[in-house]
Amino acid sequence: MNLEEFKEMALSYPGMVSQPHFDRTDFKITVKRIYGTLHDKSQSANILLSTAERKIFYSIDKAIYPIPNKWAITAGLLSK
């Protein structure tokens, strides 16, 4: 998945908006909590997942891994 495909997919959900968020772009349901962020420079995306979803994604792809904060995963090295 490249950066544009990620943005298109993230914005395809009803009510989803994106805006600058520090050095990232965030994706959230209008006036609700942020569910994902995209960092263009490092080509990585942080995505909020449930505990059950994390276990599934970690077992599928080594590019998806936990990060030490409240975010569930980061999917690094998105292709351009």
C-alpha atoms as a PDB file:
ATOM      1  CA  MET A   1       0.000   0.000   0.000  1.00  0.00           C
ATOM      2  CA  ASN A   2       1.417   3.412  -0.840  1.00  0.00           C
ATOM      3  CA  LEU A   3       0.791   6.695   0.973  1.00  0.00           C
ATOM      4  CA  GLU A   4      -2.003   7.842  -1.329  1.00  0.00           C
ATOM      5  CA  GLU A   5      -3.774   4.472  -1.075  1.00  0.00           C
ATOM      6  CA  PHE A   6      -3.580   4.653   2.721  1.00  0.00           C
ATOM      7  CA  LYS A   7      -5.065   8.171   2.730  1.00  0.00           C
ATOM      8  CA  GLU A   8      -7.822   7.125   0.321  1.00  0.00           C
ATOM      9  CA  MET A   9      -8.688   4.051   2.410  1.00  0.00           C
ATOM     10  CA  ALA A  10      -8.663   6.003   5.687  1.00  0.00           C
ATOM     11  CA  LEU A  11     -10.944   8.715   4.283  1.00  0.00           C
ATOM     12  CA  SER A  12     -13.358   6.193   2.727  1.00  0.00           C
ATOM     13  CA  TYR A  13     -15.134   5.615   6.071  1.00  0.00           C
ATOM     14  CA  PRO A  14     -18.284   7.707   6.631  1.00  0.00           C
ATOM     15  CA  GLY A  15     -17.597  10.881   8.620  1.00  0.00           C
ATOM     16  CA  MET A  16     -13.803  10.464   8.537  1.00  0.00           C
ATOM     17  CA  VAL A  17     -11.715  13.633   8.274  1.00  0.00           C
ATOM     18  CA  SER A  18      -7.988  14.316   8.238  1.00  0.00           C
ATOM     19  CA  GLN A  19      -5.966  17.231   9.559  1.00  0.00           C
ATOM     20  CA  PRO A  20      -2.415  18.097  10.620  1.00  0.00           C
ATOM     21  CA  HIS A  21      -1.377  16.515  13.932  1.00  0.00           C
ATOM     22  CA  PHE A  22       2.125  17.598  15.042  1.00  0.00           C
ATOM     23  CA  ASP A  23       4.439  16.126  12.346  1.00  0.00           C
ATOM     24  CA  ARG A  24       1.751  13.678  11.167  1.00  0.00           C
ATOM     25  CA  THR A  25      -1.664  13.703   9.545  1.00  0.00           C
ATOM     26  CA  ASP A  26      -4.466  12.361  11.711  1.00  0.00           C
ATOM     27  CA  PHE A  27      -7.614  10.547  10.646  1.00  0.00           C
ATOM     28  CA  LYS A  28     -10.690  10.699  12.863  1.00  0.00           C
ATOM     29  CA  ILE A  29     -14.439  10.534  12.794  1.00  0.00           C
ATOM     30  CA  THR A  30     -15.702  14.131  12.722  1.00  0.00           C
ATOM     31  CA  VAL A  31     -15.158  15.689  16.181  1.00  0.00           C
ATOM     32  CA  LYS A  32     -14.371  12.302  17.743  1.00  0.00           C
ATOM     33  CA  ARG A  33     -11.241  10.452  18.785  1.00  0.00           C
ATOM     34  CA  ILE A  34      -8.284   9.930  16.443  1.00  0.00           C
ATOM     35  CA  TYR A  35      -8.057   6.379  15.033  1.00  0.00           C
ATOM     36  CA  GLY A  36      -4.898   6.677  12.981  1.00  0.00           C
ATOM     37  CA  THR A  37      -2.029   8.938  12.024  1.00  0.00           C
ATOM     38  CA  LEU A  38       0.205   9.024   8.970  1.00  0.00           C
ATOM     39  CA  HIS A  39       3.805  10.264   8.957  1.00  0.00           C
ATOM     40  CA  ASP A  40       4.777  11.036   5.351  1.00  0.00           C
ATOM     41  CA  LYS A  41       8.500  11.491   6.022  1.00  0.00           C
ATOM     42  CA  SER A  42       9.019   8.030   7.602  1.00  0.00           C
ATOM     43  CA  GLN A  43       6.236   6.459   5.542  1.00  0.00           C
ATOM     44  CA  SER A  44       4.632   4.978   8.651  1.00  0.00           C
ATOM     45  CA  ALA A  45       1.077   4.840   9.942  1.00  0.00           C
ATOM     46  CA  ASN A  46      -0.044   4.430  13.544  1.00  0.00           C
ATOM     47  CA  ILE A  47      -3.395   2.695  13.912  1.00  0.00           C
ATOM     48  CA  LEU A  48      -5.507   2.213  17.044  1.00  0.00           C
ATOM     49  CA  LEU A  49      -6.654  -1.417  17.389  1.00  0.00           C
ATOM     50  CA  SER A  50      -8.295  -3.522  20.077  1.00  0.00           C
ATOM     51  CA  THR A  51      -6.245  -6.136  21.956  1.00  0.00           C
ATOM     52  CA  ALA A  52      -7.775  -8.938  19.846  1.00  0.00           C
ATOM     53  CA  GLU A  53      -7.077  -7.070  16.594  1.00  0.00           C
ATOM     54  CA  ARG A  54      -3.457  -6.441  17.644  1.00  0.00           C
ATOM     55  CA  LYS A  55      -2.814 -10.158  18.132  1.00  0.00           C
ATOM     56  CA  ILE A  56      -4.160 -10.922  14.654  1.00  0.00           C
ATOM     57  CA  PHE A  57      -2.166  -8.193  12.881  1.00  0.00           C
ATOM     58  CA  TYR A  58       1.098  -8.936  14.737  1.00  0.00           C
ATOM     59  CA  SER A  59       0.913 -12.549  13.600  1.00  0.00           C
ATOM     60  CA  ILE A  60       0.222 -11.635   9.949  1.00  0.00           C
ATOM     61  CA  ASP A  61       2.973  -9.151   9.109  1.00  0.00           C
ATOM     62  CA  LYS A  62       6.313  -8.322  10.772  1.00  0.00           C
ATOM     63  CA  ALA A  63       6.063  -4.726   9.472  1.00  0.00           C
ATOM     64  CA  ILE A  64       3.203  -4.274  11.956  1.00  0.00           C
ATOM     65  CA  TYR A  65       4.419  -4.136  15.542  1.00  0.00           C
ATOM     66  CA  PRO A  66       3.533  -2.624  18.936  1.00  0.00           C
ATOM     67  CA  ILE A  67       4.827   0.791  19.909  1.00  0.00           C
ATOM     68  CA  PRO A  68       5.373   1.975  23.508  1.00  0.00           C
ATOM     69  CA  ASN A  69       2.432   4.340  23.987  1.00  0.00           C
ATOM     70  CA  LYS A  70      -1.346   4.219  23.777  1.00  0.00           C
ATOM     71  CA  TRP A  71      -1.276   3.505  20.052  1.00  0.00           C
ATOM     72  CA  ALA A  72      -1.701  -0.091  19.033  1.00  0.00           C
ATOM     73  CA  ILE A  73       0.634  -0.538  16.069  1.00  0.00           C
ATOM     74  CA  THR A  74       2.744   1.164  13.500  1.00  0.00           C
ATOM     75  CA  ALA A  75       2.872  -0.079   9.958  1.00  0.00           C
ATOM     76  CA  GLY A  76       6.263   1.067   8.783  1.00  0.00           C
ATOM     77  CA  LEU A  77       7.791   1.319   5.351  1.00  0.00           C
ATOM     78  CA  LEU A  78       4.714   1.981   3.262  1.00  0.00           C
ATOM     79  CA  SER A  79       5.750   1.994  -0.385  1.00  0.00           C
ATOM     80  CA  LYS A  80       5.472   5.148  -2.475  1.00  0.00           C
END
